[in-house]
Protein backbone atom coordinates (compact mmCIF):
# COMPACT_ATOMS: atom_id res chain seq x y z
CA UNK A 1 -20.75 -44.71 -2.13
CA UNK A 2 -21.95 -45.81 -5.56
CA UNK A 3 -20.61 -48.61 -7.72
CA UNK A 4 -19.56 -48.37 -11.35
CA UNK A 5 -22.52 -50.30 -12.45
CA UNK A 6 -24.75 -47.34 -11.50
CA UNK A 7 -22.61 -44.46 -12.53
CA UNK A 8 -24.15 -44.14 -16.13
CA UNK A 9 -27.64 -43.94 -14.69
CA UNK A 10 -26.83 -40.84 -12.67
CA UNK A 11 -23.98 -38.84 -14.18
CA UNK A 12 -23.99 -38.36 -17.90
CA UNK A 13 -20.74 -36.38 -17.63
CA UNK A 14 -18.79 -39.51 -16.39
CA UNK A 15 -19.14 -41.45 -19.74
CA UNK A 16 -15.39 -41.11 -20.47
CA UNK A 17 -14.43 -42.34 -17.11
CA UNK A 18 -16.95 -45.29 -17.64
CA UNK A 19 -15.00 -46.45 -20.84
CA UNK A 20 -11.85 -46.12 -18.93
CA UNK A 21 -13.08 -48.15 -15.98
CA UNK A 22 -14.78 -50.98 -18.12
CA UNK A 23 -11.32 -51.56 -19.90
CA UNK A 24 -9.71 -52.50 -16.48
CA UNK A 25 -7.71 -55.92 -16.71
CA UNK A 26 -9.31 -57.21 -13.50
CA UNK A 27 -13.09 -57.32 -14.53
CA UNK A 28 -14.07 -58.48 -11.07
CA UNK A 29 -13.11 -55.27 -9.19
CA UNK A 30 -15.63 -52.74 -8.12
CA UNK A 31 -14.44 -49.20 -8.48
CA UNK A 32 -16.10 -46.65 -6.11
CA UNK A 33 -16.53 -42.90 -6.32
CA UNK A 34 -17.13 -40.90 -3.13
CA UNK A 35 -17.83 -37.22 -2.19
CA UNK A 36 -15.15 -35.41 -0.05
CA UNK A 37 -16.43 -33.63 2.86
CA UNK A 38 -18.17 -30.14 2.31
CA UNK A 39 -16.42 -26.76 2.38
CA UNK A 40 -15.57 -24.91 5.52
CA UNK A 41 -17.77 -21.89 5.80
CA UNK A 42 -17.65 -18.69 7.78
CA UNK A 43 -19.55 -15.46 7.91
CA UNK A 44 -18.37 -12.21 9.49
CA UNK A 45 -21.47 -11.08 11.34
CA UNK A 46 -24.34 -12.67 13.19
CA UNK A 47 -26.45 -9.49 13.43
CA UNK A 48 -26.74 -6.90 10.66
CA UNK A 49 -29.04 -3.84 10.83
CA UNK A 50 -29.53 -2.26 7.41
CA UNK A 51 -30.29 1.27 6.67
CA UNK A 52 -30.00 3.89 4.01
CA UNK A 53 -26.86 5.29 5.65
CA UNK A 54 -24.98 1.90 5.34
CA UNK A 55 -26.33 1.02 1.77
CA UNK A 56 -23.02 1.39 0.04
CA UNK A 57 -20.83 0.05 2.77
CA UNK A 58 -19.90 -3.64 3.18
CA UNK A 59 -21.98 -5.07 5.94
CA UNK A 60 -21.55 -8.84 5.46
CA UNK A 61 -18.83 -11.13 4.05
CA UNK A 62 -18.85 -14.76 3.39
CA UNK A 63 -15.96 -17.02 2.82
CA UNK A 64 -15.53 -20.64 2.11
CA UNK A 65 -12.87 -23.28 1.30
CA UNK A 66 -12.25 -25.27 -1.96
CA UNK A 67 -12.84 -28.91 -2.01
CA UNK A 68 -12.17 -31.86 -4.13
CA UNK A 69 -15.67 -33.00 -4.89
CA UNK A 70 -15.05 -36.59 -5.92
CA UNK A 71 -12.47 -39.25 -4.99
CA UNK A 72 -11.91 -42.46 -7.01
CA UNK A 73 -11.18 -45.70 -4.93
CA UNK A 74 -8.62 -46.87 -7.46
CA UNK A 75 -5.54 -44.58 -6.92
CA UNK A 76 -4.37 -45.19 -10.39
CA UNK A 77 -7.52 -43.49 -11.76
CA UNK A 78 -8.77 -40.02 -11.67
CA UNK A 79 -11.65 -37.64 -12.80
CA UNK A 80 -11.63 -34.14 -14.42
CA UNK A 81 -14.69 -33.06 -12.75
CA UNK A 82 -15.06 -29.19 -11.95
CA UNK A 83 -16.79 -28.33 -8.56
CA UNK A 84 -19.08 -25.39 -8.80
CA UNK A 85 -20.27 -23.47 -5.64
CA UNK A 86 -23.45 -21.92 -4.78
CA UNK A 87 -24.58 -19.60 -2.02
CA UNK A 88 -27.83 -20.58 -0.63
CA UNK A 89 -30.03 -18.33 1.47
CA UNK A 90 -33.32 -19.07 3.09
CA UNK A 91 -35.71 -17.93 5.83
CA UNK A 92 -36.20 -21.67 6.78
CA UNK A 93 -33.36 -23.51 8.60
CA UNK A 94 -33.79 -26.73 6.48
CA UNK A 95 -33.96 -24.89 3.28
CA UNK A 96 -37.18 -26.65 2.42
CA UNK A 97 -38.70 -23.39 0.81
CA UNK A 98 -38.09 -19.86 0.17
CA UNK A 99 -34.41 -20.34 -1.05
CA UNK A 100 -32.23 -17.91 -3.14
CA UNK A 101 -29.42 -19.64 -4.76
CA UNK A 102 -26.45 -17.73 -6.43
CA UNK A 103 -23.51 -19.33 -8.27
CA UNK A 104 -20.18 -17.96 -7.00
CA UNK A 105 -16.85 -19.57 -7.72
CA UNK A 106 -14.73 -16.89 -5.95
CA UNK A 107 -14.73 -18.58 -2.46
CA UNK A 108 -15.74 -15.31 -0.83
CA UNK A 109 -18.65 -12.70 -1.30
CA UNK A 110 -19.07 -9.27 0.30
CA UNK A 111 -22.47 -7.63 0.45
CA UNK A 112 -23.14 -3.87 0.62
CA UNK A 113 -26.20 -2.86 2.74
CA UNK A 114 -28.23 -2.16 -0.45
CA UNK A 115 -27.27 -5.63 -2.04
CA UNK A 116 -28.21 -7.42 1.34
CA UNK A 117 -31.39 -5.42 1.69
CA UNK A 118 -32.47 -6.35 -1.85
CA UNK A 119 -32.09 -10.08 -0.87
CA UNK A 120 -34.07 -9.48 2.21
CA UNK A 121 -36.84 -8.05 0.12
CA UNK A 122 -36.71 -11.10 -2.31
CA UNK A 123 -36.92 -13.22 0.70
CA UNK A 124 -40.10 -11.65 1.67
CA UNK A 125 -38.71 -10.23 5.12
CA UNK A 126 -40.75 -7.46 6.48
CA UNK A 127 -38.75 -4.19 7.01
CA UNK A 128 -37.73 -3.08 10.42
CA UNK A 129 -38.20 -6.50 11.95
CA UNK A 130 -35.13 -8.58 12.88
CA UNK A 131 -35.36 -11.92 10.90
CA UNK A 132 -33.01 -14.96 10.93
CA UNK A 133 -31.59 -15.76 7.47
CA UNK A 134 -29.83 -18.97 6.97
CA UNK A 135 -26.68 -19.24 4.75
CA UNK A 136 -24.90 -22.33 3.44
CA UNK A 137 -22.61 -23.40 0.61
CA UNK A 138 -23.58 -26.10 -1.89
CA UNK A 139 -20.96 -27.82 -3.92
CA UNK A 140 -21.83 -29.64 -7.15
CA UNK A 141 -20.27 -31.39 -10.00
CA UNK A 142 -22.67 -31.86 -12.91
CA UNK A 143 -26.24 -30.96 -13.22
CA UNK A 144 -27.58 -34.09 -11.63
CA UNK A 145 -25.71 -33.83 -8.35
CA UNK A 146 -26.77 -32.32 -5.15
CA UNK A 147 -24.49 -31.28 -2.42
CA UNK A 148 -22.50 -31.74 -0.27
CA UNK A 149 -23.52 -28.67 1.83
CA UNK A 150 -21.44 -26.61 4.26
CA UNK A 151 -22.60 -26.05 7.78
CA UNK A 152 -25.48 -23.61 8.16
CA UNK A 153 -24.72 -20.08 9.41
CA UNK A 154 -27.39 -17.77 10.76
CA UNK A 155 -27.40 -13.91 10.40
CA UNK A 156 -30.24 -11.88 11.99
CA UNK A 157 -31.03 -9.14 9.49
CA UNK A 158 -33.14 -6.07 10.01
CA UNK A 159 -33.93 -4.62 6.70
CA UNK A 160 -35.51 -1.35 5.67
CA UNK A 161 -38.30 -0.39 3.22
CA UNK A 162 -37.07 -0.08 -0.32
CA UNK A 163 -38.35 3.22 -1.84
CA UNK A 164 -38.16 3.03 -5.50
CA UNK A 165 -39.59 6.56 -6.03
CA UNK A 166 -36.24 8.11 -5.26
CA UNK A 167 -32.83 7.84 -7.05
CA UNK A 168 -29.89 8.93 -5.04
CA UNK A 169 -27.21 10.75 -6.71
CA UNK A 170 -23.74 9.48 -5.82
CA UNK A 171 -20.33 11.29 -6.59
CA UNK A 172 -17.55 9.66 -8.72
CA UNK A 173 -16.43 7.74 -5.64
CA UNK A 174 -19.86 6.31 -5.11
CA UNK A 175 -20.63 8.64 -1.95
CA UNK A 176 -23.99 10.08 -1.50
CA UNK A 177 -24.32 13.82 -2.38
CA UNK A 178 -27.65 14.57 -0.85
CA UNK A 179 -29.11 15.24 -4.32
CA UNK A 180 -32.09 13.13 -5.40
CA UNK A 181 -34.05 12.50 -8.55
CA UNK A 182 -37.61 11.64 -8.54
CA UNK A 183 -39.80 8.67 -10.06
CA UNK A 184 -43.29 9.78 -9.17
CA UNK A 185 -44.86 6.83 -11.16
CA UNK A 186 -42.29 4.38 -9.61
CA UNK A 187 -41.50 3.18 -13.08
CA UNK A 188 -37.86 3.23 -13.25
CA UNK A 189 -37.75 7.02 -14.75
CA UNK A 190 -35.89 9.35 -12.30
CA UNK A 191 -36.04 13.07 -13.27
CA UNK A 192 -35.21 16.47 -11.60
CA UNK A 193 -32.92 19.46 -11.75
CA UNK A 194 -29.24 19.22 -10.83
CA UNK A 195 -26.74 22.22 -10.55
CA UNK A 196 -23.80 20.60 -12.33
CA UNK A 197 -20.26 21.96 -13.00
CA UNK A 198 -18.68 21.15 -16.33
CA UNK A 199 -17.94 17.47 -16.82
CA UNK A 200 -19.48 16.67 -13.39
CA UNK A 201 -19.46 12.96 -12.81
CA UNK A 202 -22.03 11.07 -10.96
CA UNK A 203 -23.79 7.56 -10.39
CA UNK A 204 -27.32 7.02 -9.66
CA UNK A 205 -28.43 4.61 -6.87
CA UNK A 206 -31.94 3.06 -6.84
CA UNK A 207 -33.77 2.11 -3.80
CA UNK A 208 -33.23 -1.54 -4.35
CA UNK A 209 -29.43 -1.03 -4.31
CA UNK A 210 -28.83 -0.93 -8.23
CA UNK A 211 -26.18 1.64 -9.28
CA UNK A 212 -26.33 3.13 -12.72
CA UNK A 213 -23.55 4.59 -14.57
CA UNK A 214 -22.45 5.04 -18.23
CA UNK A 215 -21.70 1.72 -20.11
CA UNK A 216 -17.92 1.23 -20.37
CA UNK A 217 -17.62 1.83 -24.10
CA UNK A 218 -15.85 4.74 -25.61
CA UNK A 219 -18.12 7.19 -27.60
CA UNK A 220 -21.39 6.10 -26.01
CA UNK A 221 -22.19 9.10 -23.61
CA UNK A 222 -25.84 8.85 -22.21
CA UNK A 223 -26.04 5.00 -22.61
CA UNK A 224 -26.33 3.45 -19.28
CA UNK A 225 -25.08 0.25 -17.51
CA UNK A 226 -25.76 -1.24 -13.99
CA UNK A 227 -22.94 -4.04 -14.12
CA UNK A 228 -20.95 -4.01 -11.14
CA UNK A 229 -17.62 -3.91 -13.00
CA UNK A 230 -15.43 -0.84 -13.27
CA UNK A 231 -14.57 -1.79 -16.72
CA UNK A 232 -18.25 -2.05 -17.90
CA UNK A 233 -19.71 0.65 -15.81
CA UNK A 234 -18.17 4.08 -15.82
CA UNK A 235 -19.50 7.13 -13.96
CA UNK A 236 -22.19 9.41 -15.91
CA UNK A 237 -20.66 12.80 -17.05
CA UNK A 238 -22.27 16.12 -17.76
CA UNK A 239 -21.40 18.38 -20.81
CA UNK A 240 -18.60 20.82 -20.37
CA UNK A 241 -20.85 23.79 -19.61
CA UNK A 242 -21.76 24.57 -16.08
CA UNK A 243 -25.08 25.29 -15.13
CA UNK A 244 -28.80 24.14 -14.34
CA UNK A 245 -29.79 20.80 -15.86
CA UNK A 246 -33.12 19.07 -16.15
CA UNK A 247 -31.92 15.49 -15.89
CA UNK A 248 -33.70 12.33 -16.91
CA UNK A 249 -32.45 8.87 -16.05
CA UNK A 250 -34.41 6.12 -17.80
CA UNK A 251 -33.59 2.58 -16.46
CA UNK A 252 -35.97 1.07 -19.05
CA UNK A 253 -34.44 2.40 -22.14
CA UNK A 254 -30.95 2.52 -20.41
CA UNK A 255 -30.38 6.08 -21.63
CA UNK A 256 -30.16 9.49 -19.82
CA UNK A 257 -30.53 13.03 -21.03
CA UNK A 258 -29.42 16.41 -19.67
CA UNK A 259 -31.41 19.48 -20.69
CA UNK A 260 -29.34 22.71 -19.91
CA UNK A 261 -31.24 25.89 -18.90
CA UNK A 262 -28.64 28.48 -19.81
CA UNK A 263 -30.80 31.33 -18.52
CA UNK A 264 -34.32 31.73 -16.99
CA UNK A 265 -36.46 34.73 -17.96
CA UNK A 266 -39.26 36.12 -15.77
CA UNK A 267 -41.86 38.26 -17.45
CA UNK A 268 -45.38 39.57 -16.72
CA UNK A 269 -45.56 41.82 -13.60
CA UNK A 270 -41.89 41.25 -13.05
CA UNK A 271 -39.30 41.50 -16.05
CA UNK A 272 -35.83 40.28 -15.41
CA UNK A 273 -33.12 37.84 -16.20
CA UNK A 274 -32.75 35.49 -13.21
CA UNK A 275 -29.40 34.50 -11.58
CA UNK A 276 -28.71 30.87 -10.92
CA UNK A 277 -27.40 29.58 -7.47
CA UNK A 278 -26.03 26.43 -8.61
CA UNK A 279 -25.19 24.66 -5.23
CA UNK A 280 -28.79 25.32 -4.14
CA UNK A 281 -30.41 24.85 -7.50
CA UNK A 282 -32.22 28.20 -7.21
CA UNK A 283 -32.92 30.90 -9.66
CA UNK A 284 -33.39 34.53 -8.05
CA UNK A 285 -34.13 37.99 -9.24
CA UNK A 286 -34.47 41.16 -7.16
CA UNK A 287 -37.40 43.67 -7.79
CA UNK A 288 -39.11 46.60 -6.07
CA UNK A 289 -42.88 47.32 -5.62
CA UNK A 290 -44.50 50.55 -4.32
CA UNK A 291 -47.57 48.98 -2.56
CA UNK A 292 -48.90 45.60 -1.52
CA UNK A 293 -49.52 43.60 -4.75
CA UNK A 294 -50.66 40.21 -6.20
CA UNK A 295 -48.33 39.72 -9.02
CA UNK A 296 -48.44 37.29 -11.98
CA UNK A 297 -45.30 36.11 -13.63
CA UNK A 298 -44.19 33.80 -16.41
CA UNK A 299 -40.97 31.74 -16.40
CA UNK A 300 -39.41 30.36 -19.50
CA UNK A 301 -36.29 29.95 -21.56
CA UNK A 302 -34.79 27.98 -24.60
CA UNK A 303 -32.75 25.09 -23.28
CA UNK A 304 -30.02 22.92 -24.92
CA UNK A 305 -30.92 19.28 -24.95
CA UNK A 306 -28.02 16.76 -24.77
CA UNK A 307 -28.60 13.12 -25.07
CA UNK A 308 -27.33 9.80 -26.78
CA UNK A 309 -27.82 11.48 -30.28
CA UNK A 310 -25.90 14.70 -29.38
CA UNK A 311 -23.39 13.23 -26.99
CA UNK A 312 -21.56 16.20 -25.08
CA UNK A 313 -21.13 18.15 -28.33
CA UNK A 314 -22.33 21.67 -27.61
CA UNK A 315 -22.82 22.41 -31.36
CA UNK A 316 -24.97 19.25 -31.74
CA UNK A 317 -27.13 20.12 -28.57
CA UNK A 318 -30.98 20.75 -29.65
CA UNK A 319 -32.80 23.75 -28.84
CA UNK A 320 -35.78 23.04 -26.67
CA UNK A 321 -38.50 25.37 -25.16
CA UNK A 322 -38.67 25.31 -21.49
CA UNK A 323 -41.52 26.89 -19.33
CA UNK A 324 -43.28 26.50 -16.12
CA UNK A 325 -46.78 26.69 -14.87
CA UNK A 326 -48.42 26.68 -11.45
CA UNK A 327 -50.06 23.50 -10.06
CA UNK A 328 -51.38 24.11 -6.55
CA UNK A 329 -48.60 25.40 -4.34
CA UNK A 330 -45.91 24.12 -6.68
CA UNK A 331 -44.71 24.82 -10.20
CA UNK A 332 -44.32 22.26 -12.94
CA UNK A 333 -42.69 22.05 -16.41
CA UNK A 334 -45.47 22.96 -19.13
CA UNK A 335 -45.44 23.19 -22.80
CA UNK A 336 -46.02 27.00 -22.53
CA UNK A 337 -45.63 29.42 -19.67
CA UNK A 338 -48.48 29.77 -17.53
CA UNK A 339 -49.44 32.52 -15.05
CA UNK A 340 -47.82 32.00 -11.58
CA UNK A 341 -49.16 33.91 -8.74
CA UNK A 342 -46.98 35.51 -5.97
CA UNK A 343 -48.02 37.96 -3.24
CA UNK A 344 -46.07 40.86 -1.69
CA UNK A 345 -47.46 42.15 1.64
CA UNK A 346 -46.22 45.82 1.46
CA UNK A 347 -43.98 48.10 -0.59
CA UNK A 348 -40.39 47.29 -0.64
CA UNK A 349 -37.47 45.38 -2.13
CA UNK A 350 -38.14 41.60 -2.68
CA UNK A 351 -36.39 38.66 -4.19
CA UNK A 352 -38.32 36.30 -6.49
CA UNK A 353 -36.94 32.76 -5.68
CA UNK A 354 -37.52 29.77 -8.08
CA UNK A 355 -36.41 26.63 -5.97
CA UNK A 356 -35.85 23.57 -8.00
CA UNK A 357 -33.80 21.43 -5.57
CA UNK A 358 -36.65 19.33 -4.14
CA UNK A 359 -37.91 16.82 -6.92
CA UNK A 360 -41.61 16.99 -7.23
CA UNK A 361 -41.97 20.02 -5.12
CA UNK A 362 -40.61 23.10 -7.06
CA UNK A 363 -41.77 26.38 -5.90
CA UNK A 364 -41.80 30.10 -6.97
CA UNK A 365 -41.93 32.43 -4.10
CA UNK A 366 -40.92 35.83 -2.86
CA UNK A 367 -38.82 36.78 0.13
CA UNK A 368 -38.29 40.19 1.63
CA UNK A 369 -35.10 41.94 0.80
CA UNK A 370 -32.43 41.24 -1.56
CA UNK A 371 -31.19 37.67 -1.40
CA UNK A 372 -28.07 37.14 -3.25
CA UNK A 373 -26.23 33.77 -3.40
CA UNK A 374 -23.32 33.48 -1.13
CA UNK A 375 -20.21 33.64 -2.89
CA UNK A 376 -18.22 30.32 -3.34
CA UNK A 377 -14.89 29.95 -1.71
CA UNK A 378 -12.35 29.42 -4.37
CA UNK A 379 -9.32 28.68 -2.44
CA UNK A 380 -8.40 27.10 0.96
CA UNK A 381 -5.18 27.91 2.50
CA UNK A 382 -2.59 25.83 4.25
CA UNK A 383 -0.45 27.75 6.74
CA UNK A 384 2.13 25.57 8.26
CA UNK A 385 2.44 22.82 5.50
CA UNK A 386 5.91 24.03 4.45
CA UNK A 387 7.45 25.68 7.54
CA UNK A 388 10.19 23.17 7.42
CA UNK A 389 11.20 24.80 4.08
CA UNK A 390 10.06 28.31 4.24
CA UNK A 391 10.86 28.78 7.99
CA UNK A 392 7.45 30.16 8.99
CA UNK A 393 3.78 29.85 8.62
CA UNK A 394 2.38 31.62 5.33
CA UNK A 395 -0.68 31.71 3.08
CA UNK A 396 1.51 30.96 0.03
CA UNK A 397 0.10 27.36 -0.24
CA UNK A 398 -3.52 26.89 -1.25
CA UNK A 399 -5.87 24.30 -2.71
CA UNK A 400 -8.10 25.19 -5.68
CA UNK A 401 -11.99 24.45 -5.78
CA UNK A 402 -12.48 21.77 -8.38
CA UNK A 403 -16.01 20.75 -7.74
CA UNK A 404 -18.45 23.29 -6.51
CA UNK A 405 -21.32 21.08 -6.09
CA UNK A 406 -19.41 18.98 -3.37
CA UNK A 407 -16.93 21.74 -2.36
CA UNK A 408 -14.03 19.71 -3.15
CA UNK A 409 -10.48 21.16 -3.21
CA UNK A 410 -7.23 19.84 -4.21
CA UNK A 411 -3.58 20.73 -4.84
CA UNK A 412 -0.15 19.29 -4.98
CA UNK A 413 2.51 20.51 -2.36
CA UNK A 414 5.96 19.89 -1.36
CA UNK A 415 5.24 19.09 2.28
CA UNK A 416 7.75 19.65 5.05
CA UNK A 417 5.59 20.52 8.16
CA UNK A 418 7.16 20.67 11.52
CA UNK A 419 4.06 21.26 13.74
CA UNK A 420 1.12 20.34 11.58
CA UNK A 421 -0.93 22.83 9.71
CA UNK A 422 -4.57 24.16 9.33
CA UNK A 423 -6.96 24.65 6.46
CA UNK A 424 -7.98 28.32 6.38
CA UNK A 425 -10.81 29.75 4.26
CA UNK A 426 -9.54 33.34 3.89
CA UNK A 427 -6.03 34.60 3.12
CA UNK A 428 -4.46 36.13 6.19
CA UNK A 429 -7.32 35.29 8.33
CA UNK A 430 -5.94 33.06 11.09
CA UNK A 431 -9.19 32.47 13.03
CA UNK A 432 -11.56 31.00 10.32
CA UNK A 433 -9.77 27.68 9.82
CA UNK A 434 -10.63 23.88 9.97
CA UNK A 435 -8.54 21.55 11.96
CA UNK A 436 -8.29 17.87 12.64
CA UNK A 437 -10.88 16.01 14.45
CA UNK A 438 -9.34 13.77 17.21
CA UNK A 439 -8.61 10.35 15.72
CA UNK A 440 -7.30 11.60 12.53
CA UNK A 441 -3.99 10.70 10.96
CA UNK A 442 -1.46 12.64 8.86
CA UNK A 443 -2.98 10.96 5.74
CA UNK A 444 -6.82 11.04 6.40
CA UNK A 445 -9.32 12.25 8.65
CA UNK A 446 -12.28 14.50 9.47
CA UNK A 447 -12.24 18.43 9.81
CA UNK A 448 -13.90 20.56 12.43
CA UNK A 449 -14.15 24.37 12.37
CA UNK A 450 -11.98 26.20 14.91
CA UNK A 451 -10.82 22.93 16.66
CA UNK A 452 -7.84 22.54 18.90
CA UNK A 453 -5.64 20.04 16.84
CA UNK A 454 -3.56 20.95 13.86
CA UNK A 455 -3.65 18.52 11.06
CA UNK A 456 -0.78 15.90 11.81
CA UNK A 457 2.35 16.31 9.63
CA UNK A 458 3.08 13.45 7.16
CA UNK A 459 6.80 12.34 6.22
CA UNK A 460 8.14 15.10 4.28
CA UNK A 461 7.63 14.71 0.50
CA UNK A 462 5.48 15.52 -2.50
CA UNK A 463 1.61 15.02 -1.93
CA UNK A 464 -1.72 15.50 -3.50
CA UNK A 465 -3.79 17.13 -0.72
CA UNK A 466 -7.72 17.09 -0.99
CA UNK A 467 -10.32 18.34 1.18
CA UNK A 468 -14.25 18.57 1.08
CA UNK A 469 -16.20 21.29 2.87
CA UNK A 470 -19.40 19.12 2.33
CA UNK A 471 -18.01 15.80 3.89
CA UNK A 472 -15.62 17.77 6.23
CA UNK A 473 -12.64 15.44 5.31
CA UNK A 474 -9.09 15.62 4.22
CA UNK A 475 -6.82 13.26 2.63
CA UNK A 476 -3.36 13.06 1.35
CA UNK A 477 -1.76 10.89 -1.33
CA UNK A 478 2.01 10.48 -1.96
CA UNK A 479 3.17 10.98 -5.36
CA UNK A 480 6.20 9.04 -6.54
CA UNK A 481 9.18 9.42 -8.77
CA UNK A 482 7.22 9.14 -11.95
CA UNK A 483 3.69 10.09 -13.31
CA UNK A 484 1.92 8.79 -16.35
CA UNK A 485 0.39 10.09 -19.62
CA UNK A 486 -2.61 8.01 -20.60
CA UNK A 487 -4.84 8.51 -23.65
CA UNK A 488 -2.16 9.45 -26.41
CA UNK A 489 -3.50 8.24 -29.82
CA UNK A 490 -6.55 6.80 -28.00
CA UNK A 491 -4.40 4.09 -26.12
CA UNK A 492 -5.43 4.16 -22.51
CA UNK A 493 -2.76 2.44 -20.55
CA UNK A 494 0.18 3.76 -18.30
CA UNK A 495 3.06 2.91 -20.53
CA UNK A 496 4.32 6.63 -21.13
CA UNK A 497 5.94 7.59 -17.86
CA UNK A 498 7.07 11.17 -16.97
CA UNK A 499 10.10 10.90 -14.54
CA UNK A 500 10.71 13.39 -11.72
CA UNK A 501 13.35 16.11 -12.16
CA UNK A 502 15.55 17.72 -9.42
CA UNK A 503 12.72 20.25 -8.95
CA UNK A 504 9.98 19.03 -6.69
CA UNK A 505 6.79 18.67 -8.37
CA UNK A 506 8.28 18.98 -11.85
CA UNK A 507 8.25 16.00 -14.29
CA UNK A 508 9.59 15.65 -17.74
CA UNK A 509 9.86 13.11 -20.40
CA UNK A 510 9.30 12.09 -23.99
CA UNK A 511 5.82 11.46 -25.56
CA UNK A 512 4.94 10.12 -29.01
CA UNK A 513 1.72 11.36 -30.80
CA UNK A 514 0.79 9.12 -33.67
CA UNK A 515 -2.68 10.58 -34.14
CA UNK A 516 -5.15 12.72 -32.27
CA UNK A 517 -7.35 10.98 -29.67
CA UNK A 518 -10.96 11.98 -29.86
CA UNK A 519 -11.02 12.16 -26.00
CA UNK A 520 -7.70 14.03 -25.55
CA UNK A 521 -5.11 12.63 -22.90
CA UNK A 522 -4.69 13.07 -19.27
CA UNK A 523 -1.74 13.11 -16.61
CA UNK A 524 -2.34 10.44 -14.02
CA UNK A 525 -0.41 10.54 -10.65
CA UNK A 526 -0.38 6.71 -10.09
CA UNK A 527 -0.25 3.81 -12.45
CA UNK A 528 -3.62 2.17 -12.67
CA UNK A 529 -5.36 4.94 -10.83
CA UNK A 530 -7.99 6.79 -13.04
CA UNK A 531 -9.28 9.09 -10.36
CA UNK A 532 -6.24 10.99 -9.42
CA UNK A 533 -5.43 12.79 -12.62
CA UNK A 534 -5.16 16.33 -14.25
CA UNK A 535 -6.55 17.49 -17.51
CA UNK A 536 -5.96 21.01 -18.94
CA UNK A 537 -5.60 23.33 -21.74
CA UNK A 538 -3.53 26.23 -22.98
CA UNK A 539 -0.63 25.21 -20.70
CA UNK A 540 -2.63 25.03 -17.47
CA UNK A 541 -3.43 22.03 -15.54
CA UNK A 542 -6.85 21.32 -13.72
CA UNK A 543 -7.36 18.56 -11.28
CA UNK A 544 -10.09 16.10 -12.61
CA UNK A 545 -10.69 18.55 -15.44
CA UNK A 546 -11.34 17.95 -19.12
CA UNK A 547 -8.66 16.19 -20.82
CA UNK A 548 -5.78 17.89 -22.63
CA UNK A 549 -6.51 18.03 -26.37
CA UNK A 550 -3.20 19.67 -27.65
CA UNK A 551 -2.73 16.46 -29.67
CA UNK A 552 -5.52 17.53 -32.11
CA UNK A 553 -3.27 20.55 -33.22
CA UNK A 554 0.14 18.73 -33.10
CA UNK A 555 1.73 16.78 -36.08
CA UNK A 556 2.64 13.27 -35.44
CA UNK A 557 5.95 12.97 -33.85
CA UNK A 558 7.98 12.89 -30.70
CA UNK A 559 7.80 15.59 -28.24
CA UNK A 560 9.17 16.60 -24.66
CA UNK A 561 6.43 17.07 -22.07
CA UNK A 562 7.00 18.94 -19.02
CA UNK A 563 4.54 19.03 -16.04
CA UNK A 564 4.60 21.25 -13.00
CA UNK A 565 2.07 19.71 -10.51
CA UNK A 566 2.70 22.36 -7.78
CA UNK A 567 2.12 25.41 -10.18
CA UNK A 568 -0.34 23.39 -12.25
CA UNK A 569 1.29 24.09 -15.67
CA UNK A 570 2.47 21.92 -18.68
CA UNK A 571 4.45 22.37 -21.90
CA UNK A 572 4.87 20.37 -24.95
CA UNK A 573 7.84 21.14 -27.23
CA UNK A 574 9.40 19.27 -30.08
């Protein structure tokens, strides 16, 4: 407890209160201020083992209660002091040294594995050794005040080594894709080749848990942000051209670039235009030899450079010479094409393979025979998904491939399944199918090839169905009685609904075009949901495709828009 006579010496922020109290009629009264007891504090885990696999998952949560920091002994008086809360972490249980302190007035905090691993690194914890870390909440009012403190909670943390030589490519949902970029100098510059479909979206995860994306400002493609805020950090996006991109992400300049290789020419002892295998980031060319040979070849092309100065404008992309040279057992980018040596042991047919998938370990080799890339499966069929309507199992319903790199498929269906359904990879092929792993539900789960369980039927209705043959998962999202147009005249809200018609999957409503949006506009299935959307062109819809740009050719006015989600078509009529 502290008397009024000492307040001004300690708390500069109580000057107003001092004036009020010195004006009391009873000058002989002492008025006291006291600290209310500290916040209640809980943690969700007492032991956390961190790994690369759980780096993006929530592994630890904290929560604490709000308190009233100061009480005045005279009930007729009050303070307007604001309480601030700080999370303190230390490897010493008395917090006498090695303390990290972070202000947080949200009364809860959730840490991903990567975030907690970064804290462990900053605390000096040795990787792979279980180490107690002590947590508490400090509540303060004013810069001169210390405490009170909550009780101390102990969490035993086993961290992992932070490798800043690799950047991990995440998809638009921040799930790891298995693709990596390389920073050989460990200097925050990550580079490597990526096989990207048009407008492919991604984020980049550094070893310390920092996630980079595009800054949340329209018109600033290739500018980076690491703010953990969906409004301030969007995903990166490639240009609309599918192909092989040499990608550089520079966390120092906070800009990235994408150099498209539209082709790759092999010359010298072999002369051919190579074929790009995008999922495997390989270039191939088949050739014949009549005898055992040591061959010297050159690899080159003219690329198209996209960066902040060009945005994703194909016409603005800058021509850039691209060439490779040999360096030991690997190949590297070079200012001009150098001789690359390959050996064939005997006469026959061979395939020259330029493998650019592994950062820092690109190779140019030959393999015996003709090695053609496997064809990509374009459709997945859903027999049984509407037998309650059609009366039988058919291959009439199918999802379309929308992300080749991740083998992601999607489609909208009027679902009425009596016995569940399967996901088949070929029309009229009943054997090669994916089924539900035990424990799955009607709305989400894992897939296995040729399993025993049909995918469970949901309540009849209209659904967006998605599946991944990389993650081997499926999920369903119900679509309501209206969908939304966002982006008209560059206003990105959900205030233009299209109501459902009597035909399942068909929506129709009025839209107003005041001016063309530089980004076009899109059809969103749920208000406030930016991911589940359709773009399109020439009357065709494409799930997560490029935005519709018909507004650029339409005069300002009011139009009727009709959208058929099942058949993936749209029309705009006056």
